[in-house]
Each structure stands twice: as C-alpha cells, then as structure tokens.
C-alpha cells in the first residue's frame, strides 16, 4: 500500500447502535482516482481548517448535540467538532480509505468514544434516533441532488434541528457548455448562481440561517494539494495499471483548474432550518 495511504486502525471507533447493522457487508468504494488524489486530504472540499472551525462555532451547537454526516470523508468535521464543541455523531462514507482515516483521526484527537464512522453507501441512510444536525457537505448526489438530499436528511432530523448542505454554485455563468464541463459539471444547468441557490432553499421551505463560503485561497489548497499527492503516488507506483490514468489527470488538472473552475465555480456550506 502506498506511503500516503493510511492503514485501518487496529482499534476501530465504537459504532453507535444504528451503525452496527448498516456496516455489515459494505463493499462499496469511490472511483480510485479520488482515493489516490485526495489520500493526503483531511478535508475533502474547499474549506480550510479555519473555515471548518468558523462553521462549527457559527452553528452554536449545544454540548452533546448529535450529528449525522452523509459523505463524511476522512472525518475531520465530526472529529474536530467533537473535540471543540463536545458533540457526538456518526459519519458514513463510500471510500474505504477515508472511512479508515476517519477512525484514525478520532483516535488521534481522543474522541473515538463520541464519534463513529461507517464504510458504506449513505444513499437512503436514515438514523434510528433523531439528530440535532444532519449534514451532507459536498455529496448531494447521495440524494439525487439538493432537493432529494435535503428530504433525505430531514428524515433523520429532530424538530427544530439544522440541515447542513455543501454545494457548488456559479460565481458567474459559464459562457459555454464547454466551460461548464471544464469545471467538472455535466452542464451549465447543474449549478446555480449563489442568489438563485439560496432562493431555491427558500422555495423548499427552509430558512438559510448561516453559511460559510470557500474563497480562491481555500479552493487552491483543496485542488493544488492533489497534484503533489498524485506526483508522489506516480513516483512510487510507476508499474501500477492505473498509473496512466493518474498521469493523465496530473497533466491536465492544473491548467484546467485555473482556466475554468477557479474563475467560475464557487462552493459553500449552508445551514438550513425548516420554516
């Protein structure tokens, strides 16, 4: 296994009751390119640790608040908030690597008794016990888009709870579909301008009560960090059957990012409460 890839802990975090049955037989994983390019990431979206901490403080969560995080990545949000705000929670992610890293991070921060991480497909997952905050930060494909993901999260949320949605938006509309595809969208229609996205939350019956947005610097840290990770992987795995795919991504990613996504694509986390 590559040096950048962390091994699974010998003492995995204790699963919360609803997690135990769900974890059995999980065989899913994300496309390999993401496990490789983001192997060194602790946060798998364009928020920096400082912005993630700002979001945690902005939510004013009471001690012992309970969270559910669909698409929890390497667990940085749940782990640092458990440390800083004394919350508890469950995270679910399709990546075997990221789920293992999340368990290690919980142990590193001494919060393994407060958080649990499951390797599995979060689509359709509903917590047995209602939570105070239900999150899907950057993976709304889980519910088939923003509307479906909000509806899914609402099934796990207590009355008066908060939904967190992380979602891209257009800083300005791309002039062509080619530009949109350069931003890794399928079409211009995939995303909205920020005012339209907030209006869409309202049309679904939710108030936007907080938000933390990525900026160019935080986007740079998310995207550019992948390039060194891929280069190091290639140096150590030149004979791997997947090396040509990683080489192609490393060759094209820097120019594509600065030409398209850096100029057109925004990203933010939005806190919603039902009206």
C-alpha atoms as a PDB file:
ATOM      1  CA  UNK A   1       0.000   0.000   0.000  1.00  0.00           C
ATOM      2  CA  UNK A   2       1.267   3.489  -0.859  1.00  0.00           C
ATOM      3  CA  UNK A   3       3.004   5.511   1.841  1.00  0.00           C
ATOM      4  CA  UNK A   4       0.387   8.258   1.579  1.00  0.00           C
ATOM      5  CA  UNK A   5      -2.426   5.828   2.306  1.00  0.00           C
ATOM      6  CA  UNK A   6      -3.158   5.276   5.982  1.00  0.00           C
ATOM      7  CA  UNK A   7      -3.887   1.777   7.190  1.00  0.00           C
ATOM      8  CA  UNK A   8      -7.054   0.974   9.067  1.00  0.00           C
ATOM      9  CA  UNK A   9      -6.824   1.230  12.844  1.00  0.00           C
ATOM     10  CA  UNK A  10      -6.452  -1.967  14.843  1.00  0.00           C
ATOM     11  CA  UNK A  11      -8.889  -0.459  17.363  1.00  0.00           C
ATOM     12  CA  UNK A  12     -11.755   0.993  15.310  1.00  0.00           C
ATOM     13  CA  UNK A  13     -14.099   3.529  16.867  1.00  0.00           C
ATOM     14  CA  UNK A  14     -17.092   2.034  18.650  1.00  0.00           C
ATOM     15  CA  UNK A  15     -20.139   2.122  16.386  1.00  0.00           C
ATOM     16  CA  UNK A  16     -23.333   3.728  17.572  1.00  0.00           C
ATOM     17  CA  UNK A  17     -26.315   1.330  17.631  1.00  0.00           C
ATOM     18  CA  UNK A  18     -27.726   2.250  14.236  1.00  0.00           C
ATOM     19  CA  UNK A  19     -24.271   1.998  12.687  1.00  0.00           C
ATOM     20  CA  UNK A  20     -23.559  -1.606  13.596  1.00  0.00           C
ATOM     21  CA  UNK A  21     -26.098  -3.329  11.371  1.00  0.00           C
ATOM     22  CA  UNK A  22     -25.595  -0.939   8.487  1.00  0.00           C
ATOM     23  CA  UNK A  23     -21.859  -1.532   8.308  1.00  0.00           C
ATOM     24  CA  UNK A  24     -22.203  -5.279   7.768  1.00  0.00           C
ATOM     25  CA  UNK A  25     -21.351  -6.449   4.281  1.00  0.00           C
ATOM     26  CA  UNK A  26     -20.407  -2.994   2.943  1.00  0.00           C
ATOM     27  CA  UNK A  27     -18.410  -3.479  -0.273  1.00  0.00           C
ATOM     28  CA  UNK A  28     -18.756  -0.106  -1.985  1.00  0.00           C
ATOM     29  CA  UNK A  29     -15.967   2.332  -2.811  1.00  0.00           C
ATOM     30  CA  UNK A  30     -15.442   5.562  -4.729  1.00  0.00           C
ATOM     31  CA  UNK A  31     -13.550   5.787  -8.049  1.00  0.00           C
ATOM     32  CA  UNK A  32      -9.875   5.061  -7.470  1.00  0.00           C
ATOM     33  CA  UNK A  33      -8.638   8.420  -8.774  1.00  0.00           C
ATOM     34  CA  UNK A  34     -10.220  10.172  -5.776  1.00  0.00           C
ATOM     35  CA  UNK A  35      -8.756   7.718  -3.276  1.00  0.00           C
ATOM     36  CA  UNK A  36      -5.358   8.480  -4.797  1.00  0.00           C
ATOM     37  CA  UNK A  37      -5.564  12.229  -5.458  1.00  0.00           C
ATOM     38  CA  UNK A  38      -7.141  13.047  -2.075  1.00  0.00           C
ATOM     39  CA  UNK A  39      -5.293  10.480   0.047  1.00  0.00           C
ATOM     40  CA  UNK A  40      -3.444  13.244   1.922  1.00  0.00           C
ATOM     41  CA  UNK A  41      -6.501  15.467   2.386  1.00  0.00           C
ATOM     42  CA  UNK A  42      -8.144  15.769   5.759  1.00  0.00           C
ATOM     43  CA  UNK A  43     -10.972  17.874   4.328  1.00  0.00           C
ATOM     44  CA  UNK A  44     -12.395  16.694   1.010  1.00  0.00           C
ATOM     45  CA  UNK A  45     -13.903  20.007  -0.031  1.00  0.00           C
ATOM     46  CA  UNK A  46     -12.679  23.609  -0.448  1.00  0.00           C
ATOM     47  CA  UNK A  47     -12.974  24.564   3.237  1.00  0.00           C
ATOM     48  CA  UNK A  48      -9.760  25.157   5.162  1.00  0.00           C
ATOM     49  CA  UNK A  49      -9.426  24.032   8.790  1.00  0.00           C
ATOM     50  CA  UNK A  50     -10.032  27.642   9.798  1.00  0.00           C
ATOM     51  CA  UNK A  51     -13.260  27.850   7.790  1.00  0.00           C
ATOM     52  CA  UNK A  52     -14.397  24.499   9.162  1.00  0.00           C
ATOM     53  CA  UNK A  53     -13.819  25.814  12.688  1.00  0.00           C
ATOM     54  CA  UNK A  54     -15.707  29.007  11.826  1.00  0.00           C
ATOM     55  CA  UNK A  55     -18.664  26.929  10.653  1.00  0.00           C
ATOM     56  CA  UNK A  56     -18.665  24.846  13.828  1.00  0.00           C
ATOM     57  CA  UNK A  57     -18.689  27.949  16.023  1.00  0.00           C
ATOM     58  CA  UNK A  58     -21.330  29.662  13.886  1.00  0.00           C
ATOM     59  CA  UNK A  59     -23.824  26.840  14.432  1.00  0.00           C
ATOM     60  CA  UNK A  60     -23.861  27.446  18.230  1.00  0.00           C
ATOM     61  CA  UNK A  61     -24.337  23.749  18.892  1.00  0.00           C
ATOM     62  CA  UNK A  62     -25.139  22.788  22.473  1.00  0.00           C
ATOM     63  CA  UNK A  63     -22.829  20.354  24.207  1.00  0.00           C
ATOM     64  CA  UNK A  64     -23.811  16.749  23.462  1.00  0.00           C
ATOM     65  CA  UNK A  65     -25.601  17.694  20.256  1.00  0.00           C
ATOM     66  CA  UNK A  66     -25.892  14.683  17.968  1.00  0.00           C
ATOM     67  CA  UNK A  67     -24.843  14.856  14.284  1.00  0.00           C
ATOM     68  CA  UNK A  68     -25.279  12.684  11.218  1.00  0.00           C
ATOM     69  CA  UNK A  69     -22.843  13.249   8.343  1.00  0.00           C
ATOM     70  CA  UNK A  70     -23.595  11.589   4.982  1.00  0.00           C
ATOM     71  CA  UNK A  71     -20.413  11.564   2.914  1.00  0.00           C
ATOM     72  CA  UNK A  72     -18.167  12.201   5.915  1.00  0.00           C
ATOM     73  CA  UNK A  73     -14.841  11.735   4.118  1.00  0.00           C
ATOM     74  CA  UNK A  74     -11.874  11.472   6.466  1.00  0.00           C
ATOM     75  CA  UNK A  75     -13.968  12.648   9.393  1.00  0.00           C
ATOM     76  CA  UNK A  76     -12.345  15.998  10.067  1.00  0.00           C
ATOM     77  CA  UNK A  77     -15.604  17.837  10.640  1.00  0.00           C
ATOM     78  CA  UNK A  78     -17.056  15.370  13.144  1.00  0.00           C
ATOM     79  CA  UNK A  79     -13.737  14.777  14.908  1.00  0.00           C
ATOM     80  CA  UNK A  80     -12.730  18.408  15.390  1.00  0.00           C
ATOM     81  CA  UNK A  81     -16.239  19.449  16.380  1.00  0.00           C
ATOM     82  CA  UNK A  82     -16.404  16.590  18.889  1.00  0.00           C
ATOM     83  CA  UNK A  83     -13.148  17.893  20.366  1.00  0.00           C
ATOM     84  CA  UNK A  84     -14.063  21.587  20.280  1.00  0.00           C
ATOM     85  CA  UNK A  85     -17.821  21.505  20.955  1.00  0.00           C
ATOM     86  CA  UNK A  86     -18.350  18.181  22.737  1.00  0.00           C
ATOM     87  CA  UNK A  87     -20.810  16.905  20.157  1.00  0.00           C
ATOM     88  CA  UNK A  88     -21.261  13.274  19.137  1.00  0.00           C
ATOM     89  CA  UNK A  89     -22.052  11.832  15.752  1.00  0.00           C
ATOM     90  CA  UNK A  90     -21.988   9.219  13.037  1.00  0.00           C
ATOM     91  CA  UNK A  91     -20.348   9.586   9.643  1.00  0.00           C
ATOM     92  CA  UNK A  92     -20.860   7.398   6.573  1.00  0.00           C
ATOM     93  CA  UNK A  93     -18.610   7.359   3.505  1.00  0.00           C
ATOM     94  CA  UNK A  94     -18.228   5.133   0.453  1.00  0.00           C
ATOM     95  CA  UNK A  95     -14.432   5.324   0.472  1.00  0.00           C
ATOM     96  CA  UNK A  96     -12.765   2.526   2.418  1.00  0.00           C
ATOM     97  CA  UNK A  97      -9.645   4.656   2.724  1.00  0.00           C
ATOM     98  CA  UNK A  98     -11.397   7.773   4.004  1.00  0.00           C
ATOM     99  CA  UNK A  99     -13.514   5.813   6.493  1.00  0.00           C
ATOM    100  CA  UNK A 100     -10.350   4.212   7.870  1.00  0.00           C
ATOM    101  CA  UNK A 101      -8.622   7.583   8.060  1.00  0.00           C
ATOM    102  CA  UNK A 102     -11.608   8.998   9.935  1.00  0.00           C
ATOM    103  CA  UNK A 103     -11.306   6.319  12.611  1.00  0.00           C
ATOM    104  CA  UNK A 104      -7.606   7.083  12.992  1.00  0.00           C
ATOM    105  CA  UNK A 105      -8.346  10.804  13.268  1.00  0.00           C
ATOM    106  CA  UNK A 106     -10.901  10.148  16.013  1.00  0.00           C
ATOM    107  CA  UNK A 107      -8.284   8.216  17.965  1.00  0.00           C
ATOM    108  CA  UNK A 108      -5.663  10.911  17.358  1.00  0.00           C
ATOM    109  CA  UNK A 109      -7.962  13.596  18.789  1.00  0.00           C
ATOM    110  CA  UNK A 110      -9.212  11.394  21.607  1.00  0.00           C
ATOM    111  CA  UNK A 111     -12.857  11.489  20.527  1.00  0.00           C
ATOM    112  CA  UNK A 112     -13.366   7.858  19.492  1.00  0.00           C
ATOM    113  CA  UNK A 113     -15.955   7.484  22.248  1.00  0.00           C
ATOM    114  CA  UNK A 114     -18.031  10.331  20.763  1.00  0.00           C
ATOM    115  CA  UNK A 115     -17.946   9.634  17.011  1.00  0.00           C
ATOM    116  CA  UNK A 116     -18.321   6.569  14.805  1.00  0.00           C
ATOM    117  CA  UNK A 117     -17.510   6.109  11.137  1.00  0.00           C
ATOM    118  CA  UNK A 118     -19.077   3.610   8.773  1.00  0.00           C
ATOM    119  CA  UNK A 119     -17.810   2.472   5.408  1.00  0.00           C
ATOM    120  CA  UNK A 120     -20.914   2.232   3.258  1.00  0.00           C
ATOM    121  CA  UNK A 121     -23.262   3.871   0.781  1.00  0.00           C
ATOM    122  CA  UNK A 122     -25.065   6.751   2.505  1.00  0.00           C
ATOM    123  CA  UNK A 123     -27.846   6.901  -0.099  1.00  0.00           C
ATOM    124  CA  UNK A 124     -31.097   6.238   1.719  1.00  0.00           C
ATOM    125  CA  UNK A 125     -29.489   6.135   5.173  1.00  0.00           C
ATOM    126  CA  UNK A 126     -31.783   7.304   7.985  1.00  0.00           C
ATOM    127  CA  UNK A 127     -30.669   7.417  11.625  1.00  0.00           C
ATOM    128  CA  UNK A 128     -32.612   5.349  14.153  1.00  0.00           C
ATOM    129  CA  UNK A 129     -32.510   8.230  16.655  1.00  0.00           C
ATOM    130  CA  UNK A 130     -33.238  11.795  15.570  1.00  0.00           C
ATOM    131  CA  UNK A 131     -30.206  14.097  15.354  1.00  0.00           C
ATOM    132  CA  UNK A 132     -29.703  17.793  16.054  1.00  0.00           C
ATOM    133  CA  UNK A 133     -27.676  18.452  12.892  1.00  0.00           C
ATOM    134  CA  UNK A 134     -27.954  16.423   9.674  1.00  0.00           C
ATOM    135  CA  UNK A 135     -25.175  17.061   7.155  1.00  0.00           C
ATOM    136  CA  UNK A 136     -24.259  16.347   3.572  1.00  0.00           C
ATOM    137  CA  UNK A 137     -21.284  18.551   2.820  1.00  0.00           C
ATOM    138  CA  UNK A 138     -20.284  18.190  -0.808  1.00  0.00           C
ATOM    139  CA  UNK A 139     -22.034  14.941  -1.763  1.00  0.00           C
ATOM    140  CA  UNK A 140     -25.621  15.813  -2.693  1.00  0.00           C
ATOM    141  CA  UNK A 141     -25.518  13.143  -5.388  1.00  0.00           C
ATOM    142  CA  UNK A 142     -26.363  10.883  -2.429  1.00  0.00           C
ATOM    143  CA  UNK A 143     -29.961  12.094  -2.635  1.00  0.00           C
ATOM    144  CA  UNK A 144     -30.048  12.706  -6.368  1.00  0.00           C
ATOM    145  CA  UNK A 145     -29.386  16.442  -5.969  1.00  0.00           C
ATOM    146  CA  UNK A 146     -30.010  19.210  -3.448  1.00  0.00           C
ATOM    147  CA  UNK A 147     -33.766  18.716  -3.103  1.00  0.00           C
ATOM    148  CA  UNK A 148     -33.567  14.963  -2.662  1.00  0.00           C
ATOM    149  CA  UNK A 149     -30.665  15.208  -0.227  1.00  0.00           C
ATOM    150  CA  UNK A 150     -32.475  17.754   1.939  1.00  0.00           C
ATOM    151  CA  UNK A 151     -35.507  15.455   2.002  1.00  0.00           C
ATOM    152  CA  UNK A 152     -33.294  12.518   2.999  1.00  0.00           C
ATOM    153  CA  UNK A 153     -31.551  14.458   5.779  1.00  0.00           C
ATOM    154  CA  UNK A 154     -34.880  15.734   7.097  1.00  0.00           C
ATOM    155  CA  UNK A 155     -35.913  12.140   7.840  1.00  0.00           C
ATOM    156  CA  UNK A 156     -33.140  11.934  10.474  1.00  0.00           C
ATOM    157  CA  UNK A 157     -33.606  15.429  11.931  1.00  0.00           C
ATOM    158  CA  UNK A 158     -35.377  16.340  15.142  1.00  0.00           C
ATOM    159  CA  UNK A 159     -37.928  19.200  15.000  1.00  0.00           C
ATOM    160  CA  UNK A 160     -36.054  22.497  15.107  1.00  0.00           C
ATOM    161  CA  UNK A 161     -32.796  20.873  14.008  1.00  0.00           C
ATOM    162  CA  UNK A 162     -30.339  22.151  11.404  1.00  0.00           C
ATOM    163  CA  UNK A 163     -29.502  20.737   7.989  1.00  0.00           C
ATOM    164  CA  UNK A 164     -26.050  21.412   6.541  1.00  0.00           C
ATOM    165  CA  UNK A 165     -25.675  21.287   2.765  1.00  0.00           C
ATOM    166  CA  UNK A 166     -22.358  21.797   0.974  1.00  0.00           C
ATOM    167  CA  UNK A 167     -22.877  22.632  -2.682  1.00  0.00           C
ATOM    168  CA  UNK A 168     -21.142  24.248  -5.674  1.00  0.00           C
ATOM    169  CA  UNK A 169     -22.574  27.356  -7.321  1.00  0.00           C
ATOM    170  CA  UNK A 170     -21.562  29.550 -10.224  1.00  0.00           C
ATOM    171  CA  UNK A 171     -19.606  32.684  -9.399  1.00  0.00           C
ATOM    172  CA  UNK A 172     -20.735  33.799 -12.850  1.00  0.00           C
ATOM    173  CA  UNK A 173     -22.498  31.810 -15.515  1.00  0.00           C
ATOM    174  CA  UNK A 174     -20.121  29.979 -17.855  1.00  0.00           C
ATOM    175  CA  UNK A 175     -20.391  31.337 -21.396  1.00  0.00           C
ATOM    176  CA  UNK A 176     -20.499  27.862 -22.950  1.00  0.00           C
ATOM    177  CA  UNK A 177     -21.202  24.265 -22.030  1.00  0.00           C
ATOM    178  CA  UNK A 178     -17.526  23.558 -22.755  1.00  0.00           C
ATOM    179  CA  UNK A 179     -16.525  25.877 -19.928  1.00  0.00           C
ATOM    180  CA  UNK A 180     -19.042  24.207 -17.602  1.00  0.00           C
ATOM    181  CA  UNK A 181     -17.549  20.810 -18.405  1.00  0.00           C
ATOM    182  CA  UNK A 182     -14.112  22.255 -17.660  1.00  0.00           C
ATOM    183  CA  UNK A 183     -15.474  22.917 -14.161  1.00  0.00           C
ATOM    184  CA  UNK A 184     -16.368  19.200 -13.902  1.00  0.00           C
ATOM    185  CA  UNK A 185     -20.074  19.918 -14.342  1.00  0.00           C
ATOM    186  CA  UNK A 186     -22.099  17.998 -16.894  1.00  0.00           C
ATOM    187  CA  UNK A 187     -23.877  21.180 -17.997  1.00  0.00           C
ATOM    188  CA  UNK A 188     -24.425  24.810 -17.006  1.00  0.00           C
ATOM    189  CA  UNK A 189     -27.802  23.764 -15.584  1.00  0.00           C
ATOM    190  CA  UNK A 190     -26.109  21.570 -12.967  1.00  0.00           C
ATOM    191  CA  UNK A 191     -25.423  24.563 -10.682  1.00  0.00           C
ATOM    192  CA  UNK A 192     -27.000  27.937  -9.906  1.00  0.00           C
ATOM    193  CA  UNK A 193     -25.757  31.398  -9.130  1.00  0.00           C
ATOM    194  CA  UNK A 194     -25.496  31.962  -5.378  1.00  0.00           C
ATOM    195  CA  UNK A 195     -28.650  34.126  -5.052  1.00  0.00           C
ATOM    196  CA  UNK A 196     -30.625  31.548  -7.015  1.00  0.00           C
ATOM    197  CA  UNK A 197     -29.310  28.716  -4.835  1.00  0.00           C
ATOM    198  CA  UNK A 198     -30.390  30.498  -1.662  1.00  0.00           C
ATOM    199  CA  UNK A 199     -33.770  31.239  -3.234  1.00  0.00           C
ATOM    200  CA  UNK A 200     -34.100  27.537  -4.075  1.00  0.00           C
ATOM    201  CA  UNK A 201     -33.607  26.643  -0.407  1.00  0.00           C
ATOM    202  CA  UNK A 202     -36.425  29.041   0.407  1.00  0.00           C
ATOM    203  CA  UNK A 203     -38.692  27.511  -2.205  1.00  0.00           C
ATOM    204  CA  UNK A 204     -38.220  24.160  -0.469  1.00  0.00           C
ATOM    205  CA  UNK A 205     -39.488  25.660   2.784  1.00  0.00           C
ATOM    206  CA  UNK A 206     -36.188  26.370   4.553  1.00  0.00           C
ATOM    207  CA  UNK A 207     -34.585  29.449   6.043  1.00  0.00           C
ATOM    208  CA  UNK A 208     -30.879  29.905   5.402  1.00  0.00           C
ATOM    209  CA  UNK A 209     -29.587  30.639   8.909  1.00  0.00           C
ATOM    210  CA  UNK A 210     -25.805  30.517   8.305  1.00  0.00           C
ATOM    211  CA  UNK A 211     -23.270  29.997   5.564  1.00  0.00           C
ATOM    212  CA  UNK A 212     -19.503  29.681   5.150  1.00  0.00           C
ATOM    213  CA  UNK A 213     -18.130  30.085   1.620  1.00  0.00           C
ATOM    214  CA  UNK A 214     -14.894  28.937   0.047  1.00  0.00           C
ATOM    215  CA  UNK A 215     -12.624  31.586  -1.443  1.00  0.00           C
ATOM    216  CA  UNK A 216      -9.882  31.361  -4.057  1.00  0.00           C
ATOM    217  CA  UNK A 217      -7.211  30.569  -1.479  1.00  0.00           C
ATOM    218  CA  UNK A 218      -9.218  27.728   0.053  1.00  0.00           C
ATOM    219  CA  UNK A 219     -10.058  26.393  -3.420  1.00  0.00           C
ATOM    220  CA  UNK A 220      -6.345  26.472  -4.244  1.00  0.00           C
ATOM    221  CA  UNK A 221      -5.497  24.458  -1.156  1.00  0.00           C
ATOM    222  CA  UNK A 222      -8.113  21.840  -1.985  1.00  0.00           C
ATOM    223  CA  UNK A 223      -7.210  21.463  -5.659  1.00  0.00           C
ATOM    224  CA  UNK A 224      -3.453  22.075  -5.693  1.00  0.00           C
ATOM    225  CA  UNK A 225      -2.807  19.669  -2.824  1.00  0.00           C
ATOM    226  CA  UNK A 226      -3.990  16.859  -5.103  1.00  0.00           C
ATOM    227  CA  UNK A 227      -1.172  17.470  -7.577  1.00  0.00           C
ATOM    228  CA  UNK A 228       1.708  16.705  -5.217  1.00  0.00           C
ATOM    229  CA  UNK A 229      -0.154  13.667  -3.892  1.00  0.00           C
ATOM    230  CA  UNK A 230      -0.586  12.321  -7.419  1.00  0.00           C
ATOM    231  CA  UNK A 231       3.037  13.023  -8.318  1.00  0.00           C
ATOM    232  CA  UNK A 232       4.304  11.205  -5.223  1.00  0.00           C
ATOM    233  CA  UNK A 233       1.975   8.287  -5.977  1.00  0.00           C
ATOM    234  CA  UNK A 234       3.322   8.060  -9.537  1.00  0.00           C
ATOM    235  CA  UNK A 235       6.902   8.024  -8.296  1.00  0.00           C
ATOM    236  CA  UNK A 236       6.100   5.086  -6.018  1.00  0.00           C
ATOM    237  CA  UNK A 237       3.714   3.215  -8.330  1.00  0.00           C
ATOM    238  CA  UNK A 238       5.038   3.607 -11.870  1.00  0.00           C
ATOM    239  CA  UNK A 239       4.231  -0.026 -12.690  1.00  0.00           C
ATOM    240  CA  UNK A 240       0.634   0.150 -11.472  1.00  0.00           C
ATOM    241  CA  UNK A 241      -2.019  -0.487 -14.138  1.00  0.00           C
ATOM    242  CA  UNK A 242      -3.714   2.759 -13.074  1.00  0.00           C
ATOM    243  CA  UNK A 243      -0.583   4.916 -13.467  1.00  0.00           C
ATOM    244  CA  UNK A 244      -1.540   6.144 -16.944  1.00  0.00           C
ATOM    245  CA  UNK A 245      -4.853   7.451 -15.620  1.00  0.00           C
ATOM    246  CA  UNK A 246      -3.165   9.269 -12.748  1.00  0.00           C
ATOM    247  CA  UNK A 247      -0.549  10.715 -15.133  1.00  0.00           C
ATOM    248  CA  UNK A 248      -3.300  11.989 -17.440  1.00  0.00           C
ATOM    249  CA  UNK A 249      -5.112  13.644 -14.539  1.00  0.00           C
ATOM    250  CA  UNK A 250      -1.949  15.256 -13.169  1.00  0.00           C
ATOM    251  CA  UNK A 251      -1.021  16.563 -16.626  1.00  0.00           C
ATOM    252  CA  UNK A 252      -4.398  18.182 -17.257  1.00  0.00           C
ATOM    253  CA  UNK A 253      -5.649  19.176 -13.794  1.00  0.00           C
ATOM    254  CA  UNK A 254      -3.580  22.307 -13.013  1.00  0.00           C
ATOM    255  CA  UNK A 255      -4.346  24.136 -16.271  1.00  0.00           C
ATOM    256  CA  UNK A 256      -7.981  23.010 -16.279  1.00  0.00           C
ATOM    257  CA  UNK A 257      -8.471  24.256 -12.732  1.00  0.00           C
ATOM    258  CA  UNK A 258      -7.002  27.741 -13.271  1.00  0.00           C
ATOM    259  CA  UNK A 259      -8.667  28.148 -16.662  1.00  0.00           C
ATOM    260  CA  UNK A 260     -12.151  27.090 -15.602  1.00  0.00           C
ATOM    261  CA  UNK A 261     -13.086  26.226 -12.016  1.00  0.00           C
ATOM    262  CA  UNK A 262     -11.006  28.927 -10.338  1.00  0.00           C
ATOM    263  CA  UNK A 263     -12.798  31.595 -12.364  1.00  0.00           C
ATOM    264  CA  UNK A 264     -16.350  30.259 -12.476  1.00  0.00           C
ATOM    265  CA  UNK A 265     -17.033  27.858  -9.617  1.00  0.00           C
ATOM    266  CA  UNK A 266     -17.889  28.737  -6.025  1.00  0.00           C
ATOM    267  CA  UNK A 267     -18.657  26.444  -3.124  1.00  0.00           C
ATOM    268  CA  UNK A 268     -20.241  26.857   0.265  1.00  0.00           C
ATOM    269  CA  UNK A 269     -21.858  25.200   3.233  1.00  0.00           C
ATOM    270  CA  UNK A 270     -25.362  26.379   4.051  1.00  0.00           C
ATOM    271  CA  UNK A 271     -27.234  25.883   7.332  1.00  0.00           C
ATOM    272  CA  UNK A 272     -30.980  25.425   6.877  1.00  0.00           C
ATOM    273  CA  UNK A 273     -33.936  25.286   9.253  1.00  0.00           C
ATOM    274  CA  UNK A 274     -37.460  24.320   8.234  1.00  0.00           C
ATOM    275  CA  UNK A 275     -39.987  27.137   8.315  1.00  0.00           C
END
